[in-house]
């Protein structure tokens, strides 16, 4: 990619925008039988993680809204949103005859595993409430609550040598386009100007006391350290924090006057604001060094679910034998394994985030009885930004949105399927260091 336009990461980056066929169209093909589903979901709405007394607080003269939910925890509305999501999946799974439409699934048919942070555990619980009301289905979490499970922790485990760091920085700069990360910042100047106006940045402590008044001219740097999650320092990090805070306000349903203080109101403005977060996320995981390494533990677990020959742990074997596996983690997990699998660029119509709240990458293994071959279909299943804000419910006539994803090494047919055998090879390639 040579350059970024104002809406690059949500529009011109896309080389694949493909709404999936309605589930009924697939179900109507008597030769195709859905046999296994793995859902990797991002958690639902949480209260902001950022400490407003630090970077975000110093970057504005305005008063941030007070949340009734403690920072980082799932909000009550987030729980309801996830219950509606779970209810939709139950309808879809029943329509495709993988699970019954009513009642509780049989023992072992559903396996649910969440990262051990409260928001991921609670998201999984609410999904199950929505999908299987009245059923006592467990949520597996393997480490102390509040700590990161290694399966869901997108940290760098490799030895970060000078060569590793250099290769990662060069790949990130290449992705960012002309001038690398600093060039990207310059091209984001209109975006910075918008948030500066919304934040009253020129009168903030950051500008008045720290003398940082033009974010587009500040240096950015890829930060890579062993045992740590990779990141980008500088203004892109601040822009990401601002976009995250505003988007959560919108999702949570705060009154319009309190969402970005009533100053972000149009789709164009939302695209500009969210471009910070999308750019930051894609740039971090763009290099094969970081994408593969940060995704390794997650993708290793998933490979054992989708290919029984690779199931080595009890959890993998239980998930592999289940009809439906639900994994609940974070947007960074999804960004990392999408990079490792070399998923072609995509857009999510109706969304501003590339890896939205309550959205999931859904891996589906189908069997073609006519050819006696297994097929793989990957879809991003997600609620639109407006649906999240409205707390919408879903049905087969009013479904969640879906976009077919395609791995570089596994071309899809007109129905979105690629060979399961070929896909397994793509996964193994994604695990190679």
Protein backbone atom coordinates (compact mmCIF):
# COMPACT_ATOMS: atom_id res chain seq x y z
CA UNK A 1 0.00 0.00 0.00
CA UNK A 2 1.54 3.27 -1.09
CA UNK A 3 -0.58 5.89 0.63
CA UNK A 4 -3.53 6.44 2.97
CA UNK A 5 -6.54 8.56 2.01
CA UNK A 6 -8.88 9.97 4.62
CA UNK A 7 -10.99 6.85 4.64
CA UNK A 8 -8.35 4.35 3.58
CA UNK A 9 -8.76 1.77 6.26
CA UNK A 10 -12.51 1.48 5.96
CA UNK A 11 -12.95 1.88 2.23
CA UNK A 12 -10.04 2.07 -0.21
CA UNK A 13 -8.02 -0.54 1.67
CA UNK A 14 -10.63 -3.13 0.84
CA UNK A 15 -10.00 -5.58 -1.92
CA UNK A 16 -12.73 -7.88 -0.68
CA UNK A 17 -16.20 -6.73 0.22
CA UNK A 18 -18.44 -9.74 -0.01
CA UNK A 19 -21.69 -10.15 1.85
CA UNK A 20 -22.32 -13.79 2.54
CA UNK A 21 -25.19 -15.67 1.01
CA UNK A 22 -28.18 -15.92 3.31
CA UNK A 23 -27.96 -18.99 5.52
CA UNK A 24 -31.12 -20.31 3.87
CA UNK A 25 -29.37 -20.38 0.50
CA UNK A 26 -26.64 -22.61 1.90
CA UNK A 27 -29.09 -24.78 3.83
CA UNK A 28 -31.12 -25.27 0.65
CA UNK A 29 -28.17 -27.10 -0.94
CA UNK A 30 -28.89 -30.67 0.13
CA UNK A 31 -25.33 -31.71 -0.64
CA UNK A 32 -23.87 -29.41 2.02
CA UNK A 33 -23.96 -30.24 5.71
CA UNK A 34 -22.67 -27.92 8.45
CA UNK A 35 -20.59 -30.03 10.82
CA UNK A 36 -18.55 -27.69 13.00
CA UNK A 37 -18.43 -24.01 13.94
CA UNK A 38 -15.69 -22.09 15.75
CA UNK A 39 -16.67 -18.58 16.80
CA UNK A 40 -13.85 -16.26 17.89
CA UNK A 41 -15.57 -13.23 19.36
CA UNK A 42 -14.41 -9.92 20.69
CA UNK A 43 -16.00 -9.02 24.02
CA UNK A 44 -19.05 -6.77 24.16
CA UNK A 45 -19.29 -3.15 25.41
CA UNK A 46 -16.93 -2.32 28.26
CA UNK A 47 -16.29 0.84 30.19
CA UNK A 48 -13.20 2.71 28.94
CA UNK A 49 -9.80 1.38 29.95
CA UNK A 50 -8.06 4.75 29.78
CA UNK A 51 -7.29 6.81 32.84
CA UNK A 52 -8.73 10.24 32.12
CA UNK A 53 -6.31 11.78 34.62
CA UNK A 54 -3.43 10.94 32.33
CA UNK A 55 -3.04 11.20 28.54
CA UNK A 56 -6.71 11.66 27.60
CA UNK A 57 -7.38 13.97 30.52
CA UNK A 58 -4.37 16.11 29.69
CA UNK A 59 -5.40 16.34 26.03
CA UNK A 60 -8.66 18.21 26.64
CA UNK A 61 -10.16 21.02 28.69
CA UNK A 62 -13.52 19.24 28.67
CA UNK A 63 -14.92 16.91 31.31
CA UNK A 64 -15.15 13.27 30.34
CA UNK A 65 -18.46 11.51 31.05
CA UNK A 66 -18.60 9.45 34.23
CA UNK A 67 -19.39 5.76 33.71
CA UNK A 68 -21.31 3.79 36.33
CA UNK A 69 -19.33 0.68 35.40
CA UNK A 70 -15.72 0.35 36.54
CA UNK A 71 -13.12 0.76 33.81
CA UNK A 72 -12.57 -2.30 31.63
CA UNK A 73 -15.62 -4.20 32.88
CA UNK A 74 -18.57 -5.26 30.74
CA UNK A 75 -21.46 -2.83 31.08
CA UNK A 76 -25.03 -4.02 31.72
CA UNK A 77 -25.91 -2.91 28.20
CA UNK A 78 -22.93 -4.85 26.90
CA UNK A 79 -24.42 -7.94 28.50
CA UNK A 80 -27.77 -7.37 26.80
CA UNK A 81 -26.11 -6.74 23.44
CA UNK A 82 -24.30 -10.07 23.76
CA UNK A 83 -27.47 -11.91 24.71
CA UNK A 84 -29.06 -10.67 21.49
CA UNK A 85 -25.96 -11.84 19.61
CA UNK A 86 -26.22 -15.28 21.22
CA UNK A 87 -29.91 -15.47 20.34
CA UNK A 88 -29.12 -14.87 16.70
CA UNK A 89 -26.47 -17.57 16.57
CA UNK A 90 -28.94 -20.07 18.04
CA UNK A 91 -31.38 -19.31 15.21
CA UNK A 92 -28.64 -19.64 12.60
CA UNK A 93 -27.27 -22.88 14.07
CA UNK A 94 -30.76 -24.39 14.22
CA UNK A 95 -31.57 -23.32 10.66
CA UNK A 96 -28.44 -25.14 9.50
CA UNK A 97 -29.33 -28.18 11.63
CA UNK A 98 -26.21 -28.13 13.75
CA UNK A 99 -28.12 -27.67 17.01
CA UNK A 100 -31.81 -27.99 17.90
CA UNK A 101 -33.95 -24.86 17.82
CA UNK A 102 -35.13 -25.27 21.42
CA UNK A 103 -33.97 -26.83 24.64
CA UNK A 104 -30.46 -27.39 25.89
CA UNK A 105 -27.70 -28.83 23.74
CA UNK A 106 -26.45 -32.29 24.58
CA UNK A 107 -23.38 -32.64 26.77
CA UNK A 108 -20.25 -31.86 24.81
CA UNK A 109 -22.01 -30.18 21.90
CA UNK A 110 -20.97 -26.66 22.97
CA UNK A 111 -17.52 -25.72 24.30
CA UNK A 112 -16.94 -22.16 25.58
CA UNK A 113 -13.53 -20.81 26.52
CA UNK A 114 -12.80 -17.19 27.47
CA UNK A 115 -9.78 -15.16 28.41
CA UNK A 116 -9.64 -14.75 32.17
CA UNK A 117 -10.51 -11.06 32.28
CA UNK A 118 -13.95 -10.29 33.72
CA UNK A 119 -15.25 -8.68 30.52
CA UNK A 120 -14.43 -11.72 28.37
CA UNK A 121 -15.84 -14.21 30.88
CA UNK A 122 -19.01 -12.15 31.28
CA UNK A 123 -19.38 -11.77 27.51
CA UNK A 124 -19.25 -15.54 27.13
CA UNK A 125 -21.82 -16.02 29.90
CA UNK A 126 -24.25 -13.55 28.32
CA UNK A 127 -23.79 -15.16 24.90
CA UNK A 128 -24.80 -18.51 26.39
CA UNK A 129 -27.79 -16.96 28.17
CA UNK A 130 -29.01 -15.55 24.87
CA UNK A 131 -28.30 -18.68 22.87
CA UNK A 132 -29.39 -21.31 25.39
CA UNK A 133 -31.70 -19.73 27.97
CA UNK A 134 -32.19 -21.79 31.11
CA UNK A 135 -29.27 -24.10 30.32
CA UNK A 136 -26.31 -24.57 32.66
CA UNK A 137 -23.38 -24.36 30.26
CA UNK A 138 -19.89 -23.76 31.68
CA UNK A 139 -17.42 -21.10 30.59
CA UNK A 140 -13.85 -22.36 30.77
CA UNK A 141 -11.15 -19.99 31.99
CA UNK A 142 -7.76 -21.39 32.84
CA UNK A 143 -5.88 -18.77 34.86
CA UNK A 144 -6.63 -16.49 37.79
CA UNK A 145 -9.42 -14.05 36.98
CA UNK A 146 -7.92 -10.69 36.09
CA UNK A 147 -4.79 -12.14 34.49
CA UNK A 148 -4.18 -12.84 30.81
CA UNK A 149 -4.49 -16.45 29.67
CA UNK A 150 -1.50 -17.26 27.41
CA UNK A 151 -3.92 -18.55 24.72
CA UNK A 152 -5.42 -15.04 24.48
CA UNK A 153 -2.33 -12.95 25.22
CA UNK A 154 -0.96 -11.32 22.00
CA UNK A 155 2.50 -10.72 23.35
CA UNK A 156 5.84 -11.15 21.63
CA UNK A 157 7.35 -14.45 22.74
CA UNK A 158 10.21 -14.52 20.26
CA UNK A 159 13.72 -13.41 21.07
CA UNK A 160 13.61 -9.77 19.98
CA UNK A 161 16.99 -9.52 18.33
CA UNK A 162 18.18 -6.45 16.47
CA UNK A 163 17.31 -8.27 13.23
CA UNK A 164 13.79 -9.14 14.44
CA UNK A 165 13.14 -5.55 15.48
CA UNK A 166 14.59 -4.13 12.28
CA UNK A 167 12.54 -6.46 10.07
CA UNK A 168 9.36 -5.64 11.98
CA UNK A 169 9.94 -1.89 11.80
CA UNK A 170 10.72 -2.05 8.07
CA UNK A 171 7.56 -4.10 7.37
CA UNK A 172 5.44 -1.70 9.42
CA UNK A 173 6.87 1.34 7.64
CA UNK A 174 6.24 -0.34 4.29
CA UNK A 175 2.63 -0.97 5.25
CA UNK A 176 2.21 2.62 6.44
CA UNK A 177 3.26 3.91 3.02
CA UNK A 178 5.50 6.77 1.97
CA UNK A 179 7.45 8.14 4.92
CA UNK A 180 6.54 5.20 7.16
CA UNK A 181 4.66 5.89 10.39
CA UNK A 182 5.65 9.56 10.39
CA UNK A 183 4.36 9.89 6.83
CA UNK A 184 1.12 8.24 7.91
CA UNK A 185 0.76 10.77 10.71
CA UNK A 186 1.16 13.64 8.27
CA UNK A 187 -1.54 12.18 6.04
CA UNK A 188 -3.80 11.92 9.07
CA UNK A 189 -3.52 15.66 9.67
CA UNK A 190 -7.23 16.30 8.83
CA UNK A 191 -8.17 13.57 11.32
CA UNK A 192 -5.99 15.13 14.02
CA UNK A 193 -7.48 18.53 13.25
CA UNK A 194 -10.97 17.14 13.79
CA UNK A 195 -10.22 15.59 17.19
CA UNK A 196 -8.20 18.64 18.24
CA UNK A 197 -11.28 20.78 17.67
CA UNK A 198 -13.52 18.33 19.51
CA UNK A 199 -11.08 18.10 22.44
CA UNK A 200 -10.22 21.82 22.55
CA UNK A 201 -6.68 20.53 22.27
CA UNK A 202 -5.04 23.93 21.75
CA UNK A 203 -6.01 24.91 25.30
CA UNK A 204 -5.17 21.58 26.88
CA UNK A 205 -2.31 20.83 29.27
CA UNK A 206 -0.59 18.77 26.56
CA UNK A 207 -0.41 21.80 24.30
CA UNK A 208 -0.02 24.61 26.84
CA UNK A 209 2.46 22.97 29.19
CA UNK A 210 4.04 20.12 27.20
CA UNK A 211 4.22 22.25 24.03
CA UNK A 212 2.80 19.43 21.89
CA UNK A 213 0.19 21.21 19.78
CA UNK A 214 0.34 19.62 16.32
CA UNK A 215 -0.04 15.87 16.67
CA UNK A 216 0.48 15.23 12.97
CA UNK A 217 4.13 16.33 13.24
CA UNK A 218 5.04 14.24 16.29
CA UNK A 219 7.22 11.13 15.83
CA UNK A 220 5.77 7.63 16.04
CA UNK A 221 7.65 4.42 16.73
CA UNK A 222 6.87 0.73 16.68
CA UNK A 223 7.56 -0.64 20.17
CA UNK A 224 8.52 -4.34 20.27
CA UNK A 225 9.74 -6.04 23.43
CA UNK A 226 9.82 -9.68 24.41
CA UNK A 227 7.00 -10.60 26.78
CA UNK A 228 5.02 -7.44 25.96
CA UNK A 229 2.16 -6.65 23.60
CA UNK A 230 3.49 -4.69 20.60
CA UNK A 231 2.39 -1.10 20.16
CA UNK A 232 3.03 2.22 18.47
CA UNK A 233 4.16 5.17 20.55
CA UNK A 234 3.35 8.78 19.80
CA UNK A 235 0.26 10.57 18.49
CA UNK A 236 -1.31 7.51 16.89
CA UNK A 237 -1.59 5.97 20.34
CA UNK A 238 -3.37 9.06 21.66
CA UNK A 239 -5.66 9.14 18.64
CA UNK A 240 -6.49 5.48 19.24
CA UNK A 241 -7.40 6.20 22.87
CA UNK A 242 -9.64 9.08 21.79
CA UNK A 243 -11.41 7.04 19.11
CA UNK A 244 -11.93 4.14 21.52
CA UNK A 245 -13.42 6.42 24.18
CA UNK A 246 -15.81 8.13 21.76
CA UNK A 247 -16.94 4.88 20.12
CA UNK A 248 -17.72 3.28 23.47
CA UNK A 249 -19.83 6.31 24.41
CA UNK A 250 -21.77 5.87 21.19
CA UNK A 251 -22.24 2.12 21.67
CA UNK A 252 -23.30 2.50 25.29
CA UNK A 253 -26.12 4.78 24.20
CA UNK A 254 -25.08 7.95 25.99
CA UNK A 255 -27.24 10.95 25.01
CA UNK A 256 -26.04 12.52 21.77
CA UNK A 257 -24.91 15.64 23.65
CA UNK A 258 -22.53 13.49 25.73
CA UNK A 259 -21.05 11.44 22.89
CA UNK A 260 -17.82 13.30 22.07
CA UNK A 261 -19.53 16.28 23.73
CA UNK A 262 -22.01 16.35 20.87
CA UNK A 263 -19.33 17.26 18.33
CA UNK A 264 -19.03 14.00 16.33
CA UNK A 265 -22.32 13.60 14.50
CA UNK A 266 -21.82 12.45 10.92
CA UNK A 267 -20.64 9.15 9.40
CA UNK A 268 -17.75 11.02 7.77
CA UNK A 269 -16.57 12.33 11.14
CA UNK A 270 -16.86 8.88 12.73
CA UNK A 271 -14.79 7.38 9.92
CA UNK A 272 -12.12 10.00 10.47
CA UNK A 273 -12.01 9.37 14.21
CA UNK A 274 -11.94 5.59 13.94
CA UNK A 275 -9.19 5.70 11.31
CA UNK A 276 -6.70 6.21 14.16
CA UNK A 277 -7.57 2.94 15.82
CA UNK A 278 -7.84 1.00 12.58
CA UNK A 279 -4.51 2.35 11.34
CA UNK A 280 -2.82 1.64 14.64
CA UNK A 281 -4.10 -1.93 14.80
CA UNK A 282 -3.31 -2.84 11.23
CA UNK A 283 0.14 -1.25 11.33
CA UNK A 284 1.11 -3.07 14.54
CA UNK A 285 0.24 -6.52 13.20
CA UNK A 286 1.13 -5.90 9.55
CA UNK A 287 4.59 -7.43 9.71
CA UNK A 288 4.84 -11.24 9.50
CA UNK A 289 7.25 -11.13 12.43
CA UNK A 290 4.74 -9.57 14.79
CA UNK A 291 1.51 -10.92 13.30
CA UNK A 292 2.60 -14.56 13.44
CA UNK A 293 4.33 -14.33 16.80
CA UNK A 294 1.53 -12.45 18.57
CA UNK A 295 -1.05 -14.86 17.13
CA UNK A 296 0.89 -18.05 17.77
CA UNK A 297 -0.75 -19.22 21.00
CA UNK A 298 -4.25 -18.33 19.81
CA UNK A 299 -3.81 -19.88 16.38
CA UNK A 300 -2.19 -23.00 17.86
CA UNK A 301 -5.27 -23.57 20.00
CA UNK A 302 -7.62 -22.91 17.09
CA UNK A 303 -5.68 -25.28 14.82
CA UNK A 304 -6.29 -28.10 17.29
CA UNK A 305 -10.02 -27.32 17.25
CA UNK A 306 -10.32 -27.29 13.47
CA UNK A 307 -7.98 -30.21 12.75
CA UNK A 308 -8.33 -33.14 15.16
CA UNK A 309 -4.89 -34.45 14.27
CA UNK A 310 -3.45 -31.34 15.95
CA UNK A 311 -5.52 -31.49 19.16
CA UNK A 312 -2.99 -32.02 21.97
CA UNK A 313 -4.64 -30.61 25.10
CA UNK A 314 -7.83 -31.66 26.87
CA UNK A 315 -9.43 -28.31 25.99
CA UNK A 316 -8.55 -28.70 22.32
CA UNK A 317 -9.96 -32.22 22.25
CA UNK A 318 -13.16 -31.13 23.98
CA UNK A 319 -13.54 -28.21 21.55
CA UNK A 320 -12.73 -30.39 18.55
CA UNK A 321 -15.44 -32.88 19.50
CA UNK A 322 -18.01 -30.12 20.09
CA UNK A 323 -20.36 -28.99 17.37
CA UNK A 324 -19.91 -25.35 18.40
CA UNK A 325 -16.86 -23.76 20.02
CA UNK A 326 -17.03 -20.20 21.34
CA UNK A 327 -13.77 -18.41 22.13
CA UNK A 328 -14.00 -14.92 23.62
CA UNK A 329 -10.97 -12.67 23.51
CA UNK A 330 -9.95 -9.28 22.20
CA UNK A 331 -9.66 -7.22 19.04
CA UNK A 332 -5.87 -7.60 19.22
CA UNK A 333 -6.25 -11.40 19.04
CA UNK A 334 -8.40 -11.10 15.94
CA UNK A 335 -6.07 -8.57 14.30
CA UNK A 336 -3.09 -10.83 14.97
CA UNK A 337 -4.53 -14.07 13.60
CA UNK A 338 -6.06 -12.33 10.58
CA UNK A 339 -2.54 -11.14 9.80
CA UNK A 340 -0.99 -14.57 10.41
CA UNK A 341 -3.55 -16.21 8.11
CA UNK A 342 -2.96 -13.52 5.47
CA UNK A 343 -6.65 -12.66 5.29
CA UNK A 344 -7.25 -10.31 2.39
CA UNK A 345 -8.35 -6.79 3.20
CA UNK A 346 -12.04 -6.33 3.86
CA UNK A 347 -14.60 -3.77 4.96
CA UNK A 348 -17.55 -4.20 7.29
CA UNK A 349 -20.47 -2.14 5.93
CA UNK A 350 -22.27 -0.25 8.67
CA UNK A 351 -19.27 -0.35 11.00
CA UNK A 352 -16.48 2.12 11.71
CA UNK A 353 -14.27 -0.36 13.56
CA UNK A 354 -12.34 -3.02 11.68
CA UNK A 355 -12.69 -5.44 14.63
CA UNK A 356 -15.93 -4.26 16.24
CA UNK A 357 -17.36 -4.83 19.68
CA UNK A 358 -19.43 -8.07 19.81
CA UNK A 359 -18.21 -9.06 16.34
CA UNK A 360 -16.69 -12.46 15.63
CA UNK A 361 -14.69 -14.33 13.03
CA UNK A 362 -16.67 -17.51 12.40
CA UNK A 363 -14.95 -20.60 10.99
CA UNK A 364 -17.42 -23.09 9.50
CA UNK A 365 -16.59 -26.64 8.41
CA UNK A 366 -19.09 -27.98 5.91
CA UNK A 367 -19.18 -31.41 4.30
CA UNK A 368 -20.06 -31.78 0.64
CA UNK A 369 -21.77 -35.18 0.44
CA UNK A 370 -21.62 -35.18 -3.35
CA UNK A 371 -17.84 -34.95 -3.50
CA UNK A 372 -17.18 -36.34 -0.01
CA UNK A 373 -14.96 -33.34 0.72
CA UNK A 374 -14.82 -30.96 3.66
CA UNK A 375 -15.09 -27.25 2.94
CA UNK A 376 -14.20 -24.23 5.05
CA UNK A 377 -16.04 -20.92 5.12
CA UNK A 378 -14.85 -17.92 7.14
CA UNK A 379 -17.17 -15.01 7.85
CA UNK A 380 -16.95 -11.86 9.92
CA UNK A 381 -20.30 -11.78 11.71
CA UNK A 382 -21.02 -8.49 13.43
CA UNK A 383 -23.59 -5.91 14.53
CA UNK A 384 -23.48 -2.50 12.88
CA UNK A 385 -22.59 0.53 14.96
CA UNK A 386 -26.22 1.66 14.87
CA UNK A 387 -27.47 -1.79 15.92
CA UNK A 388 -25.18 -1.76 18.96
CA UNK A 389 -26.29 1.74 19.97
CA UNK A 390 -29.95 0.79 19.52
CA UNK A 391 -29.58 -2.49 21.40
CA UNK A 392 -31.14 -4.25 18.41
CA UNK A 393 -32.41 -7.80 18.44
CA UNK A 394 -31.85 -10.12 15.50
CA UNK A 395 -33.76 -12.73 13.56
CA UNK A 396 -33.25 -14.72 10.38
CA UNK A 397 -35.22 -12.02 8.57
CA UNK A 398 -33.28 -9.25 10.31
CA UNK A 399 -29.88 -10.86 10.82
CA UNK A 400 -26.51 -9.72 12.00
CA UNK A 401 -24.27 -8.60 9.18
CA UNK A 402 -21.82 -11.00 7.52
CA UNK A 403 -18.80 -10.58 5.28
CA UNK A 404 -16.93 -13.51 3.74
CA UNK A 405 -13.20 -13.51 4.49
CA UNK A 406 -10.58 -15.05 2.23
CA UNK A 407 -7.11 -16.27 3.16
CA UNK A 408 -4.46 -15.51 0.56
CA UNK A 409 -3.63 -19.19 0.10
CA UNK A 410 -7.17 -20.52 0.09
CA UNK A 411 -9.25 -19.00 -2.73
CA UNK A 412 -13.01 -19.18 -2.26
CA UNK A 413 -15.74 -20.15 -4.72
CA UNK A 414 -18.89 -18.19 -5.49
CA UNK A 415 -20.46 -19.39 -2.22
CA UNK A 416 -17.49 -18.43 -0.08
CA UNK A 417 -16.04 -21.92 0.40
CA UNK A 418 -12.45 -23.07 0.17
CA UNK A 419 -11.05 -26.57 0.61
CA UNK A 420 -10.71 -27.54 4.29
CA UNK A 421 -7.54 -29.42 3.45
CA UNK A 422 -6.05 -26.33 1.84
CA UNK A 423 -7.19 -24.15 4.74
CA UNK A 424 -5.46 -26.43 7.25
CA UNK A 425 -2.25 -25.92 5.28
CA UNK A 426 -2.78 -22.13 5.46
CA UNK A 427 -3.12 -22.41 9.24
CA UNK A 428 0.11 -24.38 9.50
CA UNK A 429 1.86 -21.82 7.33
CA UNK A 430 0.57 -19.12 9.67
CA UNK A 431 2.18 -20.89 12.59
CA UNK A 432 5.63 -21.02 11.03
CA UNK A 433 8.06 -18.52 12.51
